[in-house]
Amino acid sequence: MPSLQPFCTITGQLEMNVIGQAPGGMRINFPFAGAATSSHWAGERPVVGTDYVTVRGDGHMDLDIHAVIGEGRQKVSYAATGVSLVGEERGVAYPRELITFQTADDSLGFLNTAIAVGLGSVNQGTLTLEVYLVAD
């Protein structure tokens, strides 16, 4: 039976760039920047990316995320898709993501064949995301 193993915690600040009403719903880009901590490296690593959001008819958001953790040869690119559930309080959301990775960093090469799940919250532009590797 597969299990979830903690991989990293991502925290950051989101900005909002409203694209407008599109055929699939309201399009909003959320560029973000912050830091990632993990037992797989010492200290914090910078995180930068963009969450391309489509607000659905039911108010929840479809997510398409592209980001990079780290710098130099220690970069890890990741892509995620998912849904963010809108909270009852304005400015609060709960992202649920499926994540894949690409890296040239030999010490993190295992990520090139891994999938992960991200579970978190956004409160007034502050993101906190716990990332778990799916282990079999």
N, C-alpha and C. Protein backbone atom coordinates (compact mmCIF):
# COMPACT_ATOMS: atom_id res chain seq x y z
N MET A 1 0.85 -1.17 0.00
CA MET A 1 0.00 0.00 0.00
C MET A 1 0.90 1.24 0.00
N PRO A 2 0.69 2.18 -0.91
CA PRO A 2 1.49 3.41 -0.93
C PRO A 2 1.30 4.21 0.36
N SER A 3 2.35 4.97 0.68
CA SER A 3 2.29 5.86 1.85
C SER A 3 2.88 7.21 1.47
N LEU A 4 2.64 8.19 2.31
CA LEU A 4 3.16 9.54 2.09
C LEU A 4 4.31 9.78 3.05
N GLN A 5 5.45 10.26 2.51
CA GLN A 5 6.61 10.58 3.33
C GLN A 5 6.89 12.08 3.22
N PRO A 6 7.06 12.78 4.34
CA PRO A 6 7.34 14.22 4.27
C PRO A 6 8.58 14.50 3.42
N PHE A 7 8.49 15.48 2.53
CA PHE A 7 9.62 15.88 1.71
C PHE A 7 10.09 17.29 2.04
N CYS A 8 9.18 18.27 1.94
CA CYS A 8 9.59 19.65 2.24
C CYS A 8 8.37 20.48 2.62
N THR A 9 8.67 21.64 3.18
CA THR A 9 7.66 22.64 3.48
C THR A 9 8.00 23.89 2.68
N ILE A 10 7.03 24.39 1.94
CA ILE A 10 7.20 25.61 1.16
C ILE A 10 6.36 26.70 1.79
N THR A 11 6.97 27.85 2.03
CA THR A 11 6.25 29.01 2.51
C THR A 11 6.58 30.17 1.58
N GLY A 12 5.63 31.05 1.38
CA GLY A 12 5.90 32.17 0.49
C GLY A 12 4.76 33.15 0.43
N GLN A 13 4.99 34.19 -0.35
CA GLN A 13 4.02 35.25 -0.58
C GLN A 13 3.56 35.21 -2.03
N LEU A 14 2.25 35.31 -2.22
CA LEU A 14 1.67 35.34 -3.56
C LEU A 14 1.27 36.76 -3.93
N GLU A 15 1.45 37.10 -5.19
CA GLU A 15 0.91 38.32 -5.75
C GLU A 15 -0.26 37.93 -6.65
N MET A 16 -1.06 38.88 -7.07
CA MET A 16 -2.22 38.55 -7.91
C MET A 16 -2.17 39.37 -9.19
N ASN A 17 -2.29 38.69 -10.32
CA ASN A 17 -2.32 39.33 -11.63
C ASN A 17 -3.57 38.80 -12.35
N VAL A 18 -4.65 39.58 -12.33
CA VAL A 18 -5.92 39.16 -12.92
C VAL A 18 -5.82 39.26 -14.44
N ILE A 19 -6.07 38.15 -15.13
CA ILE A 19 -6.08 38.12 -16.59
C ILE A 19 -7.47 38.50 -17.09
N GLY A 20 -8.50 37.95 -16.46
CA GLY A 20 -9.87 38.27 -16.82
C GLY A 20 -10.70 37.04 -17.12
N GLN A 21 -11.94 37.29 -17.51
CA GLN A 21 -12.87 36.20 -17.82
C GLN A 21 -12.44 35.52 -19.12
N ALA A 22 -12.20 34.24 -19.05
CA ALA A 22 -11.81 33.44 -20.21
C ALA A 22 -12.88 32.37 -20.41
N PRO A 23 -12.84 31.64 -21.52
CA PRO A 23 -13.88 30.63 -21.77
C PRO A 23 -14.04 29.61 -20.64
N GLY A 24 -12.93 29.24 -19.97
CA GLY A 24 -13.00 28.23 -18.92
C GLY A 24 -13.30 28.79 -17.54
N GLY A 25 -13.32 30.10 -17.40
CA GLY A 25 -13.55 30.73 -16.10
C GLY A 25 -12.63 31.93 -15.94
N MET A 26 -12.65 32.52 -14.76
CA MET A 26 -11.81 33.69 -14.48
C MET A 26 -10.37 33.25 -14.35
N ARG A 27 -9.47 33.85 -15.17
CA ARG A 27 -8.04 33.52 -15.16
C ARG A 27 -7.31 34.53 -14.30
N ILE A 28 -6.51 33.98 -13.35
CA ILE A 28 -5.67 34.80 -12.48
C ILE A 28 -4.32 34.11 -12.36
N ASN A 29 -3.24 34.86 -12.55
CA ASN A 29 -1.90 34.34 -12.31
C ASN A 29 -1.45 34.80 -10.93
N PHE A 30 -0.85 33.88 -10.18
CA PHE A 30 -0.33 34.19 -8.85
C PHE A 30 1.17 33.91 -8.82
N PRO A 31 2.01 34.90 -9.21
CA PRO A 31 3.45 34.71 -9.02
C PRO A 31 3.73 34.61 -7.51
N PHE A 32 4.70 33.75 -7.15
CA PHE A 32 5.02 33.62 -5.73
C PHE A 32 6.52 33.45 -5.53
N ALA A 33 6.97 33.78 -4.34
CA ALA A 33 8.36 33.62 -3.95
C ALA A 33 8.40 33.33 -2.47
N GLY A 34 9.37 32.49 -2.09
CA GLY A 34 9.48 32.14 -0.68
C GLY A 34 10.67 31.24 -0.46
N ALA A 35 10.48 30.27 0.44
CA ALA A 35 11.57 29.38 0.81
C ALA A 35 11.04 27.97 1.04
N ALA A 36 11.93 26.99 0.84
CA ALA A 36 11.61 25.59 1.11
C ALA A 36 12.61 25.05 2.12
N THR A 37 12.09 24.32 3.08
CA THR A 37 12.94 23.61 4.04
C THR A 37 12.68 22.13 3.91
N SER A 38 13.74 21.32 4.15
CA SER A 38 13.62 19.88 4.01
C SER A 38 14.74 19.19 4.76
N SER A 39 14.50 17.95 5.14
CA SER A 39 15.57 17.15 5.73
C SER A 39 16.57 16.70 4.67
N HIS A 40 16.26 16.93 3.39
CA HIS A 40 17.14 16.53 2.29
C HIS A 40 18.22 17.56 1.99
N TRP A 41 18.18 18.73 2.64
CA TRP A 41 19.22 19.74 2.49
C TRP A 41 19.29 20.60 3.75
N ALA A 42 20.41 21.31 3.89
CA ALA A 42 20.60 22.18 5.05
C ALA A 42 19.98 23.54 4.79
N GLY A 43 19.33 24.09 5.80
CA GLY A 43 18.79 25.44 5.72
C GLY A 43 17.62 25.57 4.77
N GLU A 44 17.42 26.81 4.32
CA GLU A 44 16.32 27.12 3.41
C GLU A 44 16.86 27.24 1.99
N ARG A 45 16.02 26.90 1.02
CA ARG A 45 16.32 27.14 -0.39
C ARG A 45 15.22 28.04 -0.94
N PRO A 46 15.60 28.99 -1.80
CA PRO A 46 14.58 29.88 -2.36
C PRO A 46 13.63 29.13 -3.29
N VAL A 47 12.40 29.61 -3.35
CA VAL A 47 11.38 29.06 -4.25
C VAL A 47 10.78 30.22 -5.02
N VAL A 48 10.69 30.10 -6.34
CA VAL A 48 10.00 31.09 -7.16
C VAL A 48 9.16 30.36 -8.19
N GLY A 49 8.00 30.91 -8.50
CA GLY A 49 7.14 30.28 -9.49
C GLY A 49 5.88 31.07 -9.74
N THR A 50 5.01 30.46 -10.52
CA THR A 50 3.71 31.06 -10.82
C THR A 50 2.64 29.98 -10.76
N ASP A 51 1.53 30.30 -10.15
CA ASP A 51 0.35 29.45 -10.12
C ASP A 51 -0.65 30.07 -11.09
N TYR A 52 -0.91 29.36 -12.19
CA TYR A 52 -1.86 29.80 -13.21
C TYR A 52 -3.22 29.23 -12.83
N VAL A 53 -4.12 30.08 -12.39
CA VAL A 53 -5.39 29.65 -11.79
C VAL A 53 -6.56 29.97 -12.71
N THR A 54 -7.49 29.03 -12.76
CA THR A 54 -8.79 29.27 -13.38
C THR A 54 -9.85 29.09 -12.30
N VAL A 55 -10.59 30.16 -12.00
CA VAL A 55 -11.66 30.08 -11.01
C VAL A 55 -12.87 29.46 -11.70
N ARG A 56 -13.30 28.33 -11.18
CA ARG A 56 -14.40 27.57 -11.77
C ARG A 56 -15.75 28.17 -11.39
N GLY A 57 -16.79 27.67 -12.03
CA GLY A 57 -18.14 28.12 -11.75
C GLY A 57 -18.58 27.88 -10.32
N ASP A 58 -18.01 26.85 -9.66
CA ASP A 58 -18.38 26.57 -8.28
C ASP A 58 -17.54 27.38 -7.28
N GLY A 59 -16.66 28.26 -7.79
CA GLY A 59 -15.85 29.10 -6.93
C GLY A 59 -14.49 28.53 -6.56
N HIS A 60 -14.32 27.21 -6.70
CA HIS A 60 -13.02 26.61 -6.43
C HIS A 60 -12.10 26.89 -7.61
N MET A 61 -10.80 26.62 -7.45
CA MET A 61 -9.82 27.01 -8.46
C MET A 61 -9.05 25.80 -9.00
N ASP A 62 -8.96 25.71 -10.33
CA ASP A 62 -8.07 24.73 -10.96
C ASP A 62 -6.68 25.33 -10.97
N LEU A 63 -5.67 24.52 -10.61
CA LEU A 63 -4.30 24.99 -10.46
C LEU A 63 -3.39 24.40 -11.53
N ASP A 64 -2.48 25.20 -12.03
CA ASP A 64 -1.40 24.78 -12.94
C ASP A 64 -0.17 25.55 -12.48
N ILE A 65 0.75 24.87 -11.79
CA ILE A 65 1.84 25.53 -11.09
C ILE A 65 3.17 25.11 -11.71
N HIS A 66 4.06 26.08 -11.91
CA HIS A 66 5.42 25.83 -12.39
C HIS A 66 6.35 26.64 -11.51
N ALA A 67 7.35 25.97 -10.91
CA ALA A 67 8.22 26.66 -9.96
C ALA A 67 9.60 25.99 -9.91
N VAL A 68 10.52 26.67 -9.23
CA VAL A 68 11.87 26.17 -9.03
C VAL A 68 12.24 26.34 -7.57
N ILE A 69 12.78 25.27 -6.99
CA ILE A 69 13.34 25.30 -5.64
C ILE A 69 14.86 25.31 -5.80
N GLY A 70 15.55 26.21 -5.12
CA GLY A 70 17.01 26.21 -5.10
C GLY A 70 17.63 27.13 -6.12
N GLU A 71 18.98 27.07 -6.15
CA GLU A 71 19.77 27.91 -7.04
C GLU A 71 20.92 27.09 -7.62
N GLY A 72 21.51 27.59 -8.70
CA GLY A 72 22.68 26.95 -9.29
C GLY A 72 22.41 25.50 -9.65
N ARG A 73 23.39 24.62 -9.39
CA ARG A 73 23.24 23.20 -9.70
C ARG A 73 22.27 22.50 -8.76
N GLN A 74 21.85 23.17 -7.72
CA GLN A 74 20.94 22.55 -6.75
C GLN A 74 19.48 22.89 -7.02
N LYS A 75 19.19 23.29 -8.25
CA LYS A 75 17.80 23.62 -8.61
C LYS A 75 16.97 22.36 -8.80
N VAL A 76 15.72 22.47 -8.38
CA VAL A 76 14.72 21.45 -8.65
C VAL A 76 13.52 22.15 -9.26
N SER A 77 13.20 21.81 -10.50
CA SER A 77 12.02 22.35 -11.15
C SER A 77 10.84 21.46 -10.79
N TYR A 78 9.70 22.07 -10.55
CA TYR A 78 8.52 21.23 -10.33
C TYR A 78 7.31 21.80 -11.04
N ALA A 79 6.43 20.87 -11.40
CA ALA A 79 5.15 21.21 -12.01
C ALA A 79 4.07 20.53 -11.18
N ALA A 80 2.97 21.23 -11.00
CA ALA A 80 1.88 20.69 -10.20
C ALA A 80 0.55 21.05 -10.85
N THR A 81 -0.39 20.18 -10.62
CA THR A 81 -1.76 20.43 -11.03
C THR A 81 -2.64 20.07 -9.84
N GLY A 82 -3.79 20.66 -9.79
CA GLY A 82 -4.67 20.35 -8.67
C GLY A 82 -5.85 21.28 -8.59
N VAL A 83 -6.39 21.35 -7.39
CA VAL A 83 -7.54 22.20 -7.13
C VAL A 83 -7.31 22.89 -5.80
N SER A 84 -7.77 24.12 -5.70
CA SER A 84 -7.72 24.83 -4.44
C SER A 84 -9.15 25.09 -3.99
N LEU A 85 -9.45 24.61 -2.82
CA LEU A 85 -10.78 24.79 -2.26
C LEU A 85 -10.85 26.15 -1.58
N VAL A 86 -11.89 26.89 -1.87
CA VAL A 86 -12.05 28.22 -1.30
C VAL A 86 -12.61 28.09 0.11
N GLY A 87 -11.98 28.80 1.05
CA GLY A 87 -12.44 28.79 2.43
C GLY A 87 -13.64 29.69 2.62
N GLU A 88 -14.26 29.58 3.77
CA GLU A 88 -15.43 30.41 4.07
C GLU A 88 -15.03 31.87 4.26
N GLU A 89 -13.81 32.13 4.73
CA GLU A 89 -13.33 33.48 4.96
C GLU A 89 -12.66 34.01 3.69
N ARG A 90 -12.91 35.25 3.34
CA ARG A 90 -12.32 35.85 2.14
C ARG A 90 -10.79 35.81 2.24
N GLY A 91 -10.14 35.43 1.15
CA GLY A 91 -8.69 35.39 1.11
C GLY A 91 -8.08 34.10 1.62
N VAL A 92 -8.91 33.11 1.95
CA VAL A 92 -8.41 31.82 2.46
C VAL A 92 -8.73 30.73 1.45
N ALA A 93 -7.72 29.89 1.16
CA ALA A 93 -7.90 28.77 0.23
C ALA A 93 -7.05 27.60 0.69
N TYR A 94 -7.38 26.42 0.18
CA TYR A 94 -6.72 25.19 0.59
C TYR A 94 -6.29 24.40 -0.65
N PRO A 95 -5.04 24.64 -1.13
CA PRO A 95 -4.57 23.93 -2.33
C PRO A 95 -4.31 22.45 -2.07
N ARG A 96 -4.64 21.64 -3.07
CA ARG A 96 -4.39 20.20 -3.10
C ARG A 96 -3.72 19.92 -4.44
N GLU A 97 -2.45 19.45 -4.42
CA GLU A 97 -1.66 19.38 -5.64
C GLU A 97 -1.06 18.00 -5.87
N LEU A 98 -0.89 17.65 -7.14
CA LEU A 98 -0.12 16.49 -7.56
C LEU A 98 1.12 17.05 -8.25
N ILE A 99 2.32 16.63 -7.80
CA ILE A 99 3.57 17.28 -8.18
C ILE A 99 4.53 16.30 -8.82
N THR A 100 5.24 16.75 -9.89
CA THR A 100 6.37 16.02 -10.47
C THR A 100 7.57 16.95 -10.49
N PHE A 101 8.77 16.36 -10.58
CA PHE A 101 10.01 17.12 -10.45
C PHE A 101 10.96 16.82 -11.60
N GLN A 102 11.90 17.76 -11.83
CA GLN A 102 13.05 17.55 -12.71
C GLN A 102 14.24 18.26 -12.09
N THR A 103 15.39 17.55 -12.03
CA THR A 103 16.59 18.15 -11.48
C THR A 103 17.84 17.52 -12.08
N ALA A 104 18.92 18.28 -12.12
CA ALA A 104 20.24 17.77 -12.52
C ALA A 104 21.11 17.54 -11.29
N ASP A 105 20.60 17.85 -10.11
CA ASP A 105 21.32 17.68 -8.85
C ASP A 105 21.35 16.19 -8.50
N ASP A 106 22.55 15.59 -8.53
CA ASP A 106 22.67 14.15 -8.28
C ASP A 106 22.12 13.74 -6.92
N SER A 107 22.30 14.59 -5.90
CA SER A 107 21.83 14.22 -4.56
C SER A 107 20.31 14.18 -4.47
N LEU A 108 19.63 14.84 -5.41
CA LEU A 108 18.16 14.82 -5.43
C LEU A 108 17.62 14.13 -6.67
N GLY A 109 18.47 13.37 -7.36
CA GLY A 109 18.08 12.70 -8.60
C GLY A 109 16.88 11.78 -8.45
N PHE A 110 16.67 11.24 -7.24
CA PHE A 110 15.51 10.37 -7.02
C PHE A 110 14.19 11.09 -7.32
N LEU A 111 14.20 12.42 -7.30
CA LEU A 111 12.98 13.18 -7.57
C LEU A 111 12.54 13.07 -9.03
N ASN A 112 13.46 12.76 -9.93
CA ASN A 112 13.14 12.69 -11.36
C ASN A 112 12.13 11.58 -11.68
N THR A 113 11.97 10.62 -10.79
CA THR A 113 10.99 9.55 -11.00
C THR A 113 9.93 9.52 -9.89
N ALA A 114 9.89 10.56 -9.09
CA ALA A 114 8.96 10.61 -7.96
C ALA A 114 7.71 11.40 -8.31
N ILE A 115 6.66 11.11 -7.59
CA ILE A 115 5.49 11.98 -7.58
C ILE A 115 5.25 12.37 -6.13
N ALA A 116 4.61 13.51 -5.97
CA ALA A 116 4.36 14.02 -4.63
C ALA A 116 2.97 14.61 -4.56
N VAL A 117 2.52 14.79 -3.34
CA VAL A 117 1.25 15.43 -3.06
C VAL A 117 1.53 16.65 -2.20
N GLY A 118 0.94 17.77 -2.56
CA GLY A 118 1.07 18.99 -1.77
C GLY A 118 -0.26 19.35 -1.16
N LEU A 119 -0.27 19.61 0.15
CA LEU A 119 -1.47 19.99 0.88
C LEU A 119 -1.14 21.24 1.67
N GLY A 120 -1.98 22.25 1.54
CA GLY A 120 -1.62 23.48 2.23
C GLY A 120 -2.75 24.44 2.42
N SER A 121 -2.34 25.69 2.65
CA SER A 121 -3.31 26.76 2.84
C SER A 121 -2.71 28.07 2.33
N VAL A 122 -3.60 28.95 1.92
CA VAL A 122 -3.25 30.32 1.58
C VAL A 122 -4.15 31.21 2.42
N ASN A 123 -3.52 32.13 3.14
CA ASN A 123 -4.29 33.04 3.97
C ASN A 123 -3.79 34.45 3.71
N GLN A 124 -4.62 35.28 3.06
CA GLN A 124 -4.30 36.68 2.75
C GLN A 124 -2.95 36.78 2.02
N GLY A 125 -2.71 35.88 1.06
CA GLY A 125 -1.52 35.95 0.24
C GLY A 125 -0.31 35.20 0.77
N THR A 126 -0.42 34.59 1.94
CA THR A 126 0.68 33.82 2.50
C THR A 126 0.41 32.33 2.29
N LEU A 127 1.33 31.68 1.57
CA LEU A 127 1.21 30.26 1.24
C LEU A 127 2.02 29.42 2.21
N THR A 128 1.43 28.33 2.68
CA THR A 128 2.13 27.28 3.40
C THR A 128 1.72 25.96 2.76
N LEU A 129 2.72 25.21 2.27
CA LEU A 129 2.44 23.96 1.56
C LEU A 129 3.34 22.85 2.09
N GLU A 130 2.74 21.78 2.55
CA GLU A 130 3.48 20.58 2.97
C GLU A 130 3.52 19.64 1.78
N VAL A 131 4.72 19.22 1.39
CA VAL A 131 4.90 18.34 0.23
C VAL A 131 5.32 16.96 0.73
N TYR A 132 4.58 15.94 0.27
CA TYR A 132 4.81 14.56 0.66
C TYR A 132 5.11 13.72 -0.57
N LEU A 133 6.19 12.93 -0.51
CA LEU A 133 6.49 12.00 -1.59
C LEU A 133 5.62 10.77 -1.45
N VAL A 134 5.14 10.26 -2.56
CA VAL A 134 4.35 9.02 -2.56
C VAL A 134 5.34 7.87 -2.64
N ALA A 135 5.35 7.02 -1.62
CA ALA A 135 6.28 5.88 -1.55
C ALA A 135 5.48 4.59 -1.66
N ASP A 136 6.07 3.61 -2.34
CA ASP A 136 5.36 2.32 -2.43
C ASP A 136 6.07 1.25 -1.65
